């Protein structure tokens, strides 16, 4: 009887995976995205994004990207690192 209780249907396993995926998105990815969006919005409002974009435009032109792309990518990378750190900290 105990062996039968442990067998889960495919639908039950799917629902467990969906629940885990939702929590990863809601607890780890969402705060990082809000942080990155807030930082980029702050830089756009204050005009610092234009200054940074003009300063790094020659380097980014080598890759065919506009000057502000590097800082946006950097913000997203920092947000991703924050999410990974939060996930690791919670597990260990």
N, C-alpha and C. Protein backbone atom coordinates (compact mmCIF):
# COMPACT_ATOMS: atom_id res chain seq x y z
N UNK A 1 0.81 -1.19 0.00
CA UNK A 1 0.00 0.00 0.00
C UNK A 1 0.86 1.26 0.00
N UNK A 2 2.02 1.25 0.71
CA UNK A 2 2.88 2.42 0.78
C UNK A 2 3.51 2.72 -0.58
N UNK A 3 3.82 1.69 -1.34
CA UNK A 3 4.40 1.90 -2.66
C UNK A 3 3.41 2.55 -3.61
N UNK A 4 2.13 2.21 -3.48
CA UNK A 4 1.12 2.80 -4.33
C UNK A 4 0.91 4.28 -4.00
N UNK A 5 1.05 4.64 -2.74
CA UNK A 5 0.84 6.03 -2.34
C UNK A 5 1.92 6.95 -2.90
N UNK A 6 3.11 6.43 -3.14
CA UNK A 6 4.21 7.25 -3.65
C UNK A 6 4.15 7.46 -5.16
N UNK A 7 3.44 6.60 -5.87
CA UNK A 7 3.32 6.75 -7.32
C UNK A 7 2.41 7.93 -7.63
N UNK A 8 2.96 8.85 -8.41
CA UNK A 8 2.19 10.04 -8.80
C UNK A 8 1.88 9.94 -10.28
N UNK A 9 0.77 10.49 -10.65
CA UNK A 9 0.41 10.52 -12.06
C UNK A 9 1.23 11.60 -12.76
N UNK A 10 1.19 11.57 -14.06
CA UNK A 10 1.93 12.56 -14.85
C UNK A 10 1.39 13.96 -14.57
N UNK A 11 0.09 14.07 -14.42
CA UNK A 11 -0.51 15.37 -14.14
C UNK A 11 -0.04 15.92 -12.79
N UNK A 12 0.05 15.05 -11.78
CA UNK A 12 0.52 15.50 -10.46
C UNK A 12 1.97 15.96 -10.52
N UNK A 13 2.80 15.23 -11.24
CA UNK A 13 4.20 15.63 -11.41
C UNK A 13 4.30 16.95 -12.16
N UNK A 14 3.47 17.10 -13.18
CA UNK A 14 3.45 18.34 -13.95
C UNK A 14 3.08 19.52 -13.06
N UNK A 15 2.08 19.34 -12.22
CA UNK A 15 1.64 20.41 -11.33
C UNK A 15 2.72 20.77 -10.30
N UNK A 16 3.45 19.78 -9.82
CA UNK A 16 4.57 20.04 -8.89
C UNK A 16 5.64 20.87 -9.60
N UNK A 17 5.95 20.52 -10.85
CA UNK A 17 6.93 21.28 -11.62
C UNK A 17 6.47 22.70 -11.90
N UNK A 18 5.18 22.86 -12.20
CA UNK A 18 4.63 24.20 -12.43
C UNK A 18 4.73 25.06 -11.18
N UNK A 19 4.44 24.46 -10.04
CA UNK A 19 4.51 25.20 -8.78
C UNK A 19 5.94 25.65 -8.50
N UNK A 20 6.90 24.75 -8.71
CA UNK A 20 8.31 25.11 -8.50
C UNK A 20 8.74 26.22 -9.47
N UNK A 21 8.32 26.10 -10.72
CA UNK A 21 8.68 27.11 -11.71
C UNK A 21 8.08 28.47 -11.39
N UNK A 22 6.86 28.48 -10.89
CA UNK A 22 6.23 29.75 -10.51
C UNK A 22 6.99 30.41 -9.38
N UNK A 23 7.40 29.62 -8.38
CA UNK A 23 8.11 30.21 -7.26
C UNK A 23 9.50 30.71 -7.67
N UNK A 24 10.15 30.03 -8.59
CA UNK A 24 11.44 30.53 -9.08
C UNK A 24 11.24 31.88 -9.76
N UNK A 25 10.20 31.98 -10.58
CA UNK A 25 9.94 33.24 -11.27
C UNK A 25 9.52 34.35 -10.32
N UNK A 26 8.64 34.02 -9.39
CA UNK A 26 8.09 35.05 -8.50
C UNK A 26 9.08 35.48 -7.42
N UNK A 27 9.87 34.56 -6.92
CA UNK A 27 10.74 34.88 -5.79
C UNK A 27 12.17 35.23 -6.20
N UNK A 28 12.62 34.77 -7.34
CA UNK A 28 14.01 35.00 -7.72
C UNK A 28 14.17 35.91 -8.93
N UNK A 29 13.42 35.66 -9.97
CA UNK A 29 13.61 36.42 -11.20
C UNK A 29 12.91 37.78 -11.12
N UNK A 30 11.72 37.82 -10.58
CA UNK A 30 10.96 39.07 -10.55
C UNK A 30 11.67 40.19 -9.77
N UNK A 31 12.21 39.94 -8.58
CA UNK A 31 12.91 41.03 -7.90
C UNK A 31 14.12 41.55 -8.68
N UNK A 32 14.82 40.65 -9.35
CA UNK A 32 15.97 41.07 -10.15
C UNK A 32 15.53 41.93 -11.33
N UNK A 33 14.44 41.57 -11.96
CA UNK A 33 13.94 42.36 -13.09
C UNK A 33 13.45 43.73 -12.63
N UNK A 34 12.79 43.79 -11.49
CA UNK A 34 12.33 45.08 -10.97
C UNK A 34 13.52 45.96 -10.63
N UNK A 35 14.56 45.38 -10.05
CA UNK A 35 15.78 46.13 -9.71
C UNK A 35 16.42 46.70 -10.98
N UNK A 36 16.58 45.87 -11.99
CA UNK A 36 17.21 46.33 -13.23
C UNK A 36 16.35 47.39 -13.92
N UNK A 37 15.05 47.18 -13.97
CA UNK A 37 14.16 48.16 -14.60
C UNK A 37 14.21 49.49 -13.85
N UNK A 38 14.22 49.44 -12.53
CA UNK A 38 14.26 50.67 -11.73
C UNK A 38 15.56 51.43 -11.96
N UNK A 39 16.67 50.71 -12.02
CA UNK A 39 17.96 51.36 -12.25
C UNK A 39 18.01 52.01 -13.63
N UNK A 40 17.56 51.30 -14.64
CA UNK A 40 17.58 51.86 -15.99
C UNK A 40 16.63 53.05 -16.10
N UNK A 41 15.46 52.96 -15.49
CA UNK A 41 14.52 54.07 -15.50
C UNK A 41 15.10 55.29 -14.79
N UNK A 42 15.75 55.08 -13.66
CA UNK A 42 16.39 56.17 -12.92
C UNK A 42 17.45 56.85 -13.78
N UNK A 43 18.28 56.05 -14.45
CA UNK A 43 19.33 56.63 -15.30
C UNK A 43 18.75 57.37 -16.49
N UNK A 44 17.65 56.87 -17.04
CA UNK A 44 17.01 57.58 -18.16
C UNK A 44 16.41 58.91 -17.70
N UNK A 45 15.77 58.93 -16.55
CA UNK A 45 15.12 60.15 -16.05
C UNK A 45 16.16 61.21 -15.71
N UNK A 46 17.26 60.81 -15.09
CA UNK A 46 18.28 61.78 -14.69
C UNK A 46 19.19 62.21 -15.83
N UNK A 47 19.15 61.49 -16.95
CA UNK A 47 19.99 61.84 -18.08
C UNK A 47 21.37 61.19 -18.04
N UNK A 48 21.63 60.41 -17.01
CA UNK A 48 22.94 59.75 -16.92
C UNK A 48 23.11 58.66 -17.98
N UNK A 49 22.02 58.08 -18.42
CA UNK A 49 22.11 57.03 -19.44
C UNK A 49 22.69 57.59 -20.73
N UNK A 50 22.30 58.80 -21.10
CA UNK A 50 22.84 59.42 -22.32
C UNK A 50 24.33 59.69 -22.18
N UNK A 51 24.76 60.13 -21.02
CA UNK A 51 26.18 60.40 -20.78
C UNK A 51 26.98 59.11 -20.88
N UNK A 52 26.48 58.06 -20.25
CA UNK A 52 27.17 56.76 -20.30
C UNK A 52 27.16 56.22 -21.73
N UNK A 53 26.02 56.36 -22.42
CA UNK A 53 25.92 55.86 -23.79
C UNK A 53 26.90 56.56 -24.72
N UNK A 54 27.05 57.88 -24.57
CA UNK A 54 28.00 58.61 -25.42
C UNK A 54 29.44 58.24 -25.09
N UNK A 55 29.71 57.93 -23.84
CA UNK A 55 31.08 57.60 -23.44
C UNK A 55 31.52 56.24 -23.98
N UNK A 56 30.61 55.28 -24.05
CA UNK A 56 30.98 53.93 -24.47
C UNK A 56 30.54 53.61 -25.91
N UNK A 57 29.98 54.57 -26.61
CA UNK A 57 29.50 54.34 -27.97
C UNK A 57 30.59 53.82 -28.92
N UNK A 58 31.82 54.35 -28.87
CA UNK A 58 32.84 53.82 -29.80
C UNK A 58 33.14 52.33 -29.58
N UNK A 59 33.16 51.91 -28.34
CA UNK A 59 33.43 50.49 -28.05
C UNK A 59 32.27 49.63 -28.50
N UNK A 60 31.05 50.06 -28.23
CA UNK A 60 29.88 49.28 -28.59
C UNK A 60 29.65 49.26 -30.10
N UNK A 61 30.16 50.28 -30.80
CA UNK A 61 30.02 50.31 -32.26
C UNK A 61 30.78 49.15 -32.91
N UNK A 62 31.82 48.68 -32.25
CA UNK A 62 32.56 47.52 -32.77
C UNK A 62 31.67 46.29 -32.86
N UNK A 63 30.68 46.18 -31.97
CA UNK A 63 29.76 45.05 -31.95
C UNK A 63 28.45 45.35 -32.67
N UNK A 64 28.35 46.55 -33.22
CA UNK A 64 27.14 46.93 -33.93
C UNK A 64 25.98 47.27 -33.01
N UNK A 65 26.27 47.70 -31.78
CA UNK A 65 25.24 48.04 -30.81
C UNK A 65 25.29 49.52 -30.48
N UNK A 66 24.16 50.09 -30.07
CA UNK A 66 24.18 51.49 -29.63
C UNK A 66 24.89 51.61 -28.29
N UNK A 67 25.28 52.80 -27.93
CA UNK A 67 26.07 53.01 -26.73
C UNK A 67 25.38 52.60 -25.44
N UNK A 68 24.07 52.81 -25.34
CA UNK A 68 23.36 52.49 -24.11
C UNK A 68 23.11 51.00 -23.91
N UNK A 69 23.37 50.20 -24.92
CA UNK A 69 23.08 48.77 -24.82
C UNK A 69 23.96 48.09 -23.77
N UNK A 70 25.19 48.53 -23.63
CA UNK A 70 26.09 47.87 -22.70
C UNK A 70 25.62 48.02 -21.26
N UNK A 71 25.14 49.19 -20.92
CA UNK A 71 24.71 49.39 -19.54
C UNK A 71 23.42 48.64 -19.24
N UNK A 72 22.55 48.56 -20.22
CA UNK A 72 21.31 47.78 -20.03
C UNK A 72 21.65 46.30 -19.85
N UNK A 73 22.59 45.82 -20.63
CA UNK A 73 23.01 44.42 -20.50
C UNK A 73 23.68 44.21 -19.14
N UNK A 74 24.47 45.17 -18.70
CA UNK A 74 25.12 45.08 -17.40
C UNK A 74 24.09 45.05 -16.28
N UNK A 75 23.07 45.87 -16.37
CA UNK A 75 22.01 45.88 -15.35
C UNK A 75 21.28 44.54 -15.31
N UNK A 76 21.00 43.99 -16.48
CA UNK A 76 20.33 42.70 -16.52
C UNK A 76 21.24 41.61 -15.95
N UNK A 77 22.52 41.68 -16.23
CA UNK A 77 23.46 40.71 -15.68
C UNK A 77 23.54 40.79 -14.17
N UNK A 78 23.55 42.00 -13.65
CA UNK A 78 23.57 42.17 -12.19
C UNK A 78 22.29 41.64 -11.57
N UNK A 79 21.19 41.86 -12.25
CA UNK A 79 19.92 41.34 -11.75
C UNK A 79 19.91 39.82 -11.76
N UNK A 80 20.49 39.22 -12.78
CA UNK A 80 20.57 37.76 -12.86
C UNK A 80 21.45 37.22 -11.75
N UNK A 81 22.58 37.88 -11.50
CA UNK A 81 23.47 37.45 -10.42
C UNK A 81 22.78 37.56 -9.06
N UNK A 82 21.99 38.63 -8.89
CA UNK A 82 21.24 38.79 -7.65
C UNK A 82 20.25 37.64 -7.47
N UNK A 83 19.57 37.27 -8.55
CA UNK A 83 18.61 36.17 -8.48
C UNK A 83 19.28 34.85 -8.16
N UNK A 84 20.44 34.59 -8.77
CA UNK A 84 21.17 33.35 -8.48
C UNK A 84 21.67 33.34 -7.04
N UNK A 85 22.15 34.48 -6.57
CA UNK A 85 22.62 34.57 -5.19
C UNK A 85 21.49 34.30 -4.21
N UNK A 86 20.33 34.88 -4.48
CA UNK A 86 19.18 34.68 -3.60
C UNK A 86 18.75 33.22 -3.59
N UNK A 87 18.79 32.57 -4.75
CA UNK A 87 18.42 31.17 -4.83
C UNK A 87 19.40 30.30 -4.07
N UNK A 88 20.70 30.54 -4.25
CA UNK A 88 21.72 29.75 -3.55
C UNK A 88 21.66 29.98 -2.04
N UNK A 89 21.45 31.21 -1.64
CA UNK A 89 21.39 31.53 -0.21
C UNK A 89 20.21 30.83 0.45
N UNK A 90 19.11 30.71 -0.28
CA UNK A 90 17.92 30.06 0.27
C UNK A 90 18.11 28.56 0.39
N UNK A 91 18.87 27.98 -0.52
CA UNK A 91 19.06 26.52 -0.52
C UNK A 91 20.09 26.05 0.50
N UNK A 92 21.10 26.87 0.76
CA UNK A 92 22.19 26.40 1.63
C UNK A 92 22.15 27.11 2.93
